[in-house]
Amino acid sequence: LFDALVKIAIQVLNNFDSFFSSIFFLYECNRHLDKNFFLWLKICISIFYFTAIFHIYIYIFRDV
């Protein structure tokens, strides 16, 4: 289980890079539309957390 958590942490850190670059891209696109930017930010964060939790469940139940 510990090995799986380490793999998840490495994968999440790798995903954070593209995650923040996509947020920065959205920020550049919607800089003049603040409400839209915060809406997209919430969507991106919720998608990111959903995929992270999903990966955690996959690793846990795959090892069982």
PDB file of N, CA and C in Angstrom:
ATOM      1  N   LEU A   1       0.848  -1.209   0.000  1.00  0.00           N
ATOM      2  CA  LEU A   1       0.000   0.000   0.000  1.00  0.00           C
ATOM      3  C   LEU A   1       0.878   1.253   0.000  1.00  0.00           C
ATOM      4  N   PHE A   2       1.983   1.234   0.761  1.00  0.00           N
ATOM      5  CA  PHE A   2       2.873   2.401   0.804  1.00  0.00           C
ATOM      6  C   PHE A   2       3.484   2.675  -0.563  1.00  0.00           C
ATOM      7  N   ASP A   3       3.873   1.602  -1.264  1.00  0.00           N
ATOM      8  CA  ASP A   3       4.418   1.782  -2.619  1.00  0.00           C
ATOM      9  C   ASP A   3       3.391   2.432  -3.526  1.00  0.00           C
ATOM     10  N   ALA A   4       2.145   2.014  -3.385  1.00  0.00           N
ATOM     11  CA  ALA A   4       1.086   2.596  -4.209  1.00  0.00           C
ATOM     12  C   ALA A   4       0.921   4.075  -3.904  1.00  0.00           C
ATOM     13  N   LEU A   5       0.990   4.436  -2.626  1.00  0.00           N
ATOM     14  CA  LEU A   5       0.853   5.850  -2.257  1.00  0.00           C
ATOM     15  C   LEU A   5       2.010   6.668  -2.819  1.00  0.00           C
ATOM     16  N   VAL A   6       3.212   6.089  -2.827  1.00  0.00           N
ATOM     17  CA  VAL A   6       4.351   6.805  -3.407  1.00  0.00           C
ATOM     18  C   VAL A   6       4.139   7.005  -4.898  1.00  0.00           C
ATOM     19  N   LYS A   7       3.653   5.957  -5.586  1.00  0.00           N
ATOM     20  CA  LYS A   7       3.368   6.089  -7.020  1.00  0.00           C
ATOM     21  C   LYS A   7       2.327   7.175  -7.268  1.00  0.00           C
ATOM     22  N   ILE A   8       1.287   7.187  -6.437  1.00  0.00           N
ATOM     23  CA  ILE A   8       0.229   8.200  -6.590  1.00  0.00           C
ATOM     24  C   ILE A   8       0.815   9.590  -6.390  1.00  0.00           C
ATOM     25  N   ALA A   9       1.661   9.751  -5.367  1.00  0.00           N
ATOM     26  CA  ALA A   9       2.242  11.068  -5.101  1.00  0.00           C
ATOM     27  C   ALA A   9       3.078  11.541  -6.286  1.00  0.00           C
ATOM     28  N   ILE A  10       3.872  10.636  -6.866  1.00  0.00           N
ATOM     29  CA  ILE A  10       4.695  11.007  -8.023  1.00  0.00           C
ATOM     30  C   ILE A  10       3.802  11.375  -9.200  1.00  0.00           C
ATOM     31  N   GLN A  11       2.735  10.585  -9.415  1.00  0.00           N
ATOM     32  CA  GLN A  11       1.834  10.858 -10.530  1.00  0.00           C
ATOM     33  C   GLN A  11       1.118  12.193 -10.337  1.00  0.00           C
ATOM     34  N   VAL A  12       0.677  12.459  -9.103  1.00  0.00           N
ATOM     35  CA  VAL A  12      -0.008  13.724  -8.829  1.00  0.00           C
ATOM     36  C   VAL A  12       0.936  14.898  -9.044  1.00  0.00           C
ATOM     37  N   LEU A  13       2.204  14.754  -8.612  1.00  0.00           N
ATOM     38  CA  LEU A  13       3.170  15.828  -8.818  1.00  0.00           C
ATOM     39  C   LEU A  13       3.413  16.055 -10.303  1.00  0.00           C
ATOM     40  N   ASN A  14       3.470  14.978 -11.082  1.00  0.00           N
ATOM     41  CA  ASN A  14       3.640  15.134 -12.527  1.00  0.00           C
ATOM     42  C   ASN A  14       2.432  15.823 -13.146  1.00  0.00           C
ATOM     43  N   ASN A  15       1.244  15.480 -12.655  1.00  0.00           N
ATOM     44  CA  ASN A  15       0.035  16.087 -13.201  1.00  0.00           C
ATOM     45  C   ASN A  15      -0.089  17.548 -12.797  1.00  0.00           C
ATOM     46  N   PHE A  16       0.460  17.911 -11.633  1.00  0.00           N
ATOM     47  CA  PHE A  16       0.358  19.291 -11.162  1.00  0.00           C
ATOM     48  C   PHE A  16       0.982  20.253 -12.165  1.00  0.00           C
ATOM     49  N   ASP A  17       2.070  19.819 -12.807  1.00  0.00           N
ATOM     50  CA  ASP A  17       2.756  20.692 -13.753  1.00  0.00           C
ATOM     51  C   ASP A  17       1.823  21.086 -14.890  1.00  0.00           C
ATOM     52  N   SER A  18       1.227  20.090 -15.537  1.00  0.00           N
ATOM     53  CA  SER A  18       0.322  20.394 -16.644  1.00  0.00           C
ATOM     54  C   SER A  18      -0.949  21.058 -16.124  1.00  0.00           C
ATOM     55  N   PHE A  19      -1.354  20.698 -14.901  1.00  0.00           N
ATOM     56  CA  PHE A  19      -2.554  21.287 -14.308  1.00  0.00           C
ATOM     57  C   PHE A  19      -2.393  22.795 -14.145  1.00  0.00           C
ATOM     58  N   PHE A  20      -1.267  23.214 -13.569  1.00  0.00           N
ATOM     59  CA  PHE A  20      -1.068  24.647 -13.346  1.00  0.00           C
ATOM     60  C   PHE A  20      -0.802  25.387 -14.639  1.00  0.00           C
ATOM     61  N   SER A  21      -0.153  24.735 -15.605  1.00  0.00           N
ATOM     62  CA  SER A  21       0.060  25.417 -16.882  1.00  0.00           C
ATOM     63  C   SER A  21      -1.267  25.617 -17.600  1.00  0.00           C
ATOM     64  N   SER A  22      -2.195  24.658 -17.482  1.00  0.00           N
ATOM     65  CA  SER A  22      -3.500  24.849 -18.098  1.00  0.00           C
ATOM     66  C   SER A  22      -4.284  25.937 -17.371  1.00  0.00           C
ATOM     67  N   ILE A  23      -4.145  26.017 -16.037  1.00  0.00           N
ATOM     68  CA  ILE A  23      -4.801  27.099 -15.290  1.00  0.00           C
ATOM     69  C   ILE A  23      -4.236  28.442 -15.734  1.00  0.00           C
ATOM     70  N   PHE A  24      -2.909  28.514 -15.900  1.00  0.00           N
ATOM     71  CA  PHE A  24      -2.294  29.764 -16.333  1.00  0.00           C
ATOM     72  C   PHE A  24      -2.793  30.139 -17.734  1.00  0.00           C
ATOM     73  N   PHE A  25      -2.923  29.141 -18.598  1.00  0.00           N
ATOM     74  CA  PHE A  25      -3.439  29.392 -19.948  1.00  0.00           C
ATOM     75  C   PHE A  25      -4.861  29.939 -19.886  1.00  0.00           C
ATOM     76  N   LEU A  26      -5.704  29.313 -19.047  1.00  0.00           N
ATOM     77  CA  LEU A  26      -7.073  29.802 -18.891  1.00  0.00           C
ATOM     78  C   LEU A  26      -7.074  31.214 -18.317  1.00  0.00           C
ATOM     79  N   TYR A  27      -6.162  31.475 -17.390  1.00  0.00           N
ATOM     80  CA  TYR A  27      -6.094  32.817 -16.805  1.00  0.00           C
ATOM     81  C   TYR A  27      -5.728  33.849 -17.866  1.00  0.00           C
ATOM     82  N   GLU A  28      -4.783  33.520 -18.726  1.00  0.00           N
ATOM     83  CA  GLU A  28      -4.400  34.442 -19.794  1.00  0.00           C
ATOM     84  C   GLU A  28      -5.569  34.665 -20.748  1.00  0.00           C
ATOM     85  N   CYS A  29      -6.327  33.628 -21.013  1.00  0.00           N
ATOM     86  CA  CYS A  29      -7.456  33.751 -21.944  1.00  0.00           C
ATOM     87  C   CYS A  29      -8.581  34.579 -21.338  1.00  0.00           C
ATOM     88  N   ASN A  30      -8.847  34.378 -20.058  1.00  0.00           N
ATOM     89  CA  ASN A  30     -10.027  34.988 -19.432  1.00  0.00           C
ATOM     90  C   ASN A  30      -9.662  36.111 -18.471  1.00  0.00           C
ATOM     91  N   ARG A  31      -8.512  36.755 -18.704  1.00  0.00           N
ATOM     92  CA  ARG A  31      -8.077  37.775 -17.752  1.00  0.00           C
ATOM     93  C   ARG A  31      -9.080  38.923 -17.686  1.00  0.00           C
ATOM     94  N   HIS A  32      -9.724  39.216 -18.805  1.00  0.00           N
ATOM     95  CA  HIS A  32     -10.684  40.323 -18.825  1.00  0.00           C
ATOM     96  C   HIS A  32     -12.083  39.878 -18.417  1.00  0.00           C
ATOM     97  N   LEU A  33     -12.270  38.575 -18.184  1.00  0.00           N
ATOM     98  CA  LEU A  33     -13.578  38.052 -17.763  1.00  0.00           C
ATOM     99  C   LEU A  33     -13.390  37.330 -16.433  1.00  0.00           C
ATOM    100  N   ASP A  34     -13.421  38.097 -15.335  1.00  0.00           N
ATOM    101  CA  ASP A  34     -13.078  37.511 -14.042  1.00  0.00           C
ATOM    102  C   ASP A  34     -14.022  36.404 -13.633  1.00  0.00           C
ATOM    103  N   LYS A  35     -15.318  36.612 -13.847  1.00  0.00           N
ATOM    104  CA  LYS A  35     -16.277  35.593 -13.411  1.00  0.00           C
ATOM    105  C   LYS A  35     -16.035  34.281 -14.156  1.00  0.00           C
ATOM    106  N   ASN A  36     -15.807  34.369 -15.452  1.00  0.00           N
ATOM    107  CA  ASN A  36     -15.543  33.153 -16.218  1.00  0.00           C
ATOM    108  C   ASN A  36     -14.276  32.457 -15.730  1.00  0.00           C
ATOM    109  N   PHE A  37     -13.253  33.263 -15.421  1.00  0.00           N
ATOM    110  CA  PHE A  37     -12.002  32.646 -14.969  1.00  0.00           C
ATOM    111  C   PHE A  37     -12.212  31.851 -13.692  1.00  0.00           C
ATOM    112  N   PHE A  38     -12.944  32.437 -12.727  1.00  0.00           N
ATOM    113  CA  PHE A  38     -13.135  31.706 -11.477  1.00  0.00           C
ATOM    114  C   PHE A  38     -14.015  30.478 -11.680  1.00  0.00           C
ATOM    115  N   LEU A  39     -14.953  30.566 -12.600  1.00  0.00           N
ATOM    116  CA  LEU A  39     -15.758  29.384 -12.921  1.00  0.00           C
ATOM    117  C   LEU A  39     -14.863  28.286 -13.492  1.00  0.00           C
ATOM    118  N   TRP A  40     -14.001  28.641 -14.447  1.00  0.00           N
ATOM    119  CA  TRP A  40     -13.094  27.647 -15.028  1.00  0.00           C
ATOM    120  C   TRP A  40     -12.127  27.121 -13.978  1.00  0.00           C
ATOM    121  N   LEU A  41     -11.685  27.986 -13.078  1.00  0.00           N
ATOM    122  CA  LEU A  41     -10.765  27.550 -12.029  1.00  0.00           C
ATOM    123  C   LEU A  41     -11.424  26.490 -11.149  1.00  0.00           C
ATOM    124  N   LYS A  42     -12.685  26.742 -10.754  1.00  0.00           N
ATOM    125  CA  LYS A  42     -13.405  25.743  -9.955  1.00  0.00           C
ATOM    126  C   LYS A  42     -13.553  24.433 -10.723  1.00  0.00           C
ATOM    127  N   ILE A  43     -13.877  24.528 -12.007  1.00  0.00           N
ATOM    128  CA  ILE A  43     -14.048  23.316 -12.813  1.00  0.00           C
ATOM    129  C   ILE A  43     -12.733  22.540 -12.883  1.00  0.00           C
ATOM    130  N   CYS A  44     -11.635  23.260 -13.146  1.00  0.00           N
ATOM    131  CA  CYS A  44     -10.338  22.585 -13.260  1.00  0.00           C
ATOM    132  C   CYS A  44      -9.936  21.926 -11.948  1.00  0.00           C
ATOM    133  N   ILE A  45     -10.129  22.641 -10.843  1.00  0.00           N
ATOM    134  CA  ILE A  45      -9.738  22.085  -9.550  1.00  0.00           C
ATOM    135  C   ILE A  45     -10.588  20.859  -9.214  1.00  0.00           C
ATOM    136  N   SER A  46     -11.888  20.933  -9.473  1.00  0.00           N
ATOM    137  CA  SER A  46     -12.738  19.787  -9.165  1.00  0.00           C
ATOM    138  C   SER A  46     -12.381  18.596 -10.049  1.00  0.00           C
ATOM    139  N   ILE A  47     -12.077  18.849 -11.331  1.00  0.00           N
ATOM    140  CA  ILE A  47     -11.670  17.747 -12.211  1.00  0.00           C
ATOM    141  C   ILE A  47     -10.364  17.137 -11.719  1.00  0.00           C
ATOM    142  N   PHE A  48      -9.418  17.999 -11.329  1.00  0.00           N
ATOM    143  CA  PHE A  48      -8.125  17.493 -10.881  1.00  0.00           C
ATOM    144  C   PHE A  48      -8.286  16.632  -9.623  1.00  0.00           C
ATOM    145  N   TYR A  49      -9.062  17.124  -8.641  1.00  0.00           N
ATOM    146  CA  TYR A  49      -9.250  16.338  -7.426  1.00  0.00           C
ATOM    147  C   TYR A  49      -9.996  15.045  -7.714  1.00  0.00           C
ATOM    148  N   PHE A  50     -10.979  15.088  -8.611  1.00  0.00           N
ATOM    149  CA  PHE A  50     -11.714  13.871  -8.949  1.00  0.00           C
ATOM    150  C   PHE A  50     -10.776  12.831  -9.544  1.00  0.00           C
ATOM    151  N   THR A  51      -9.904  13.255 -10.481  1.00  0.00           N
ATOM    152  CA  THR A  51      -8.996  12.289 -11.094  1.00  0.00           C
ATOM    153  C   THR A  51      -7.978  11.779 -10.075  1.00  0.00           C
ATOM    154  N   ALA A  52      -7.527  12.645  -9.166  1.00  0.00           N
ATOM    155  CA  ALA A  52      -6.568  12.194  -8.146  1.00  0.00           C
ATOM    156  C   ALA A  52      -7.200  11.146  -7.244  1.00  0.00           C
ATOM    157  N   ILE A  53      -8.425  11.410  -6.775  1.00  0.00           N
ATOM    158  CA  ILE A  53      -9.122  10.443  -5.921  1.00  0.00           C
ATOM    159  C   ILE A  53      -9.381   9.156  -6.688  1.00  0.00           C
ATOM    160  N   PHE A  54      -9.743   9.295  -7.969  1.00  0.00           N
ATOM    161  CA  PHE A  54      -9.996   8.135  -8.810  1.00  0.00           C
ATOM    162  C   PHE A  54      -8.746   7.269  -8.932  1.00  0.00           C
ATOM    163  N   HIS A  55      -7.566   7.903  -9.142  1.00  0.00           N
ATOM    164  CA  HIS A  55      -6.315   7.154  -9.216  1.00  0.00           C
ATOM    165  C   HIS A  55      -6.027   6.456  -7.895  1.00  0.00           C
ATOM    166  N   ILE A  56      -6.297   7.123  -6.777  1.00  0.00           N
ATOM    167  CA  ILE A  56      -6.052   6.511  -5.468  1.00  0.00           C
ATOM    168  C   ILE A  56      -6.903   5.254  -5.319  1.00  0.00           C
ATOM    169  N   TYR A  57      -8.194   5.338  -5.683  1.00  0.00           N
ATOM    170  CA  TYR A  57      -9.049   4.161  -5.571  1.00  0.00           C
ATOM    171  C   TYR A  57      -8.575   3.049  -6.483  1.00  0.00           C
ATOM    172  N   ILE A  58      -8.136   3.393  -7.693  1.00  0.00           N
ATOM    173  CA  ILE A  58      -7.646   2.360  -8.610  1.00  0.00           C
ATOM    174  C   ILE A  58      -6.453   1.639  -8.002  1.00  0.00           C
ATOM    175  N   TYR A  59      -5.483   2.407  -7.464  1.00  0.00           N
ATOM    176  CA  TYR A  59      -4.301   1.765  -6.890  1.00  0.00           C
ATOM    177  C   TYR A  59      -4.656   0.914  -5.689  1.00  0.00           C
ATOM    178  N   ILE A  60      -5.540   1.414  -4.817  1.00  0.00           N
ATOM    179  CA  ILE A  60      -5.872   0.665  -3.607  1.00  0.00           C
ATOM    180  C   ILE A  60      -6.574  -0.645  -3.971  1.00  0.00           C
ATOM    181  N   PHE A  61      -7.590  -0.578  -4.844  1.00  0.00           N
ATOM    182  CA  PHE A  61      -8.363  -1.788  -5.127  1.00  0.00           C
ATOM    183  C   PHE A  61      -7.645  -2.722  -6.078  1.00  0.00           C
ATOM    184  N   ARG A  62      -6.662  -2.208  -6.816  1.00  0.00           N
ATOM    185  CA  ARG A  62      -5.898  -3.097  -7.677  1.00  0.00           C
ATOM    186  C   ARG A  62      -4.989  -3.988  -6.843  1.00  0.00           C
ATOM    187  N   ASP A  63      -4.459  -3.445  -5.732  1.00  0.00           N
ATOM    188  CA  ASP A  63      -3.541  -4.229  -4.904  1.00  0.00           C
ATOM    189  C   ASP A  63      -4.272  -5.225  -4.016  1.00  0.00           C
ATOM    190  N   VAL A  64      -5.547  -4.980  -3.742  1.00  0.00           N
ATOM    191  CA  VAL A  64      -6.300  -5.870  -2.846  1.00  0.00           C
ATOM    192  C   VAL A  64      -6.544  -7.204  -3.540  1.00  0.00           C
TER     193      VAL A  64
END
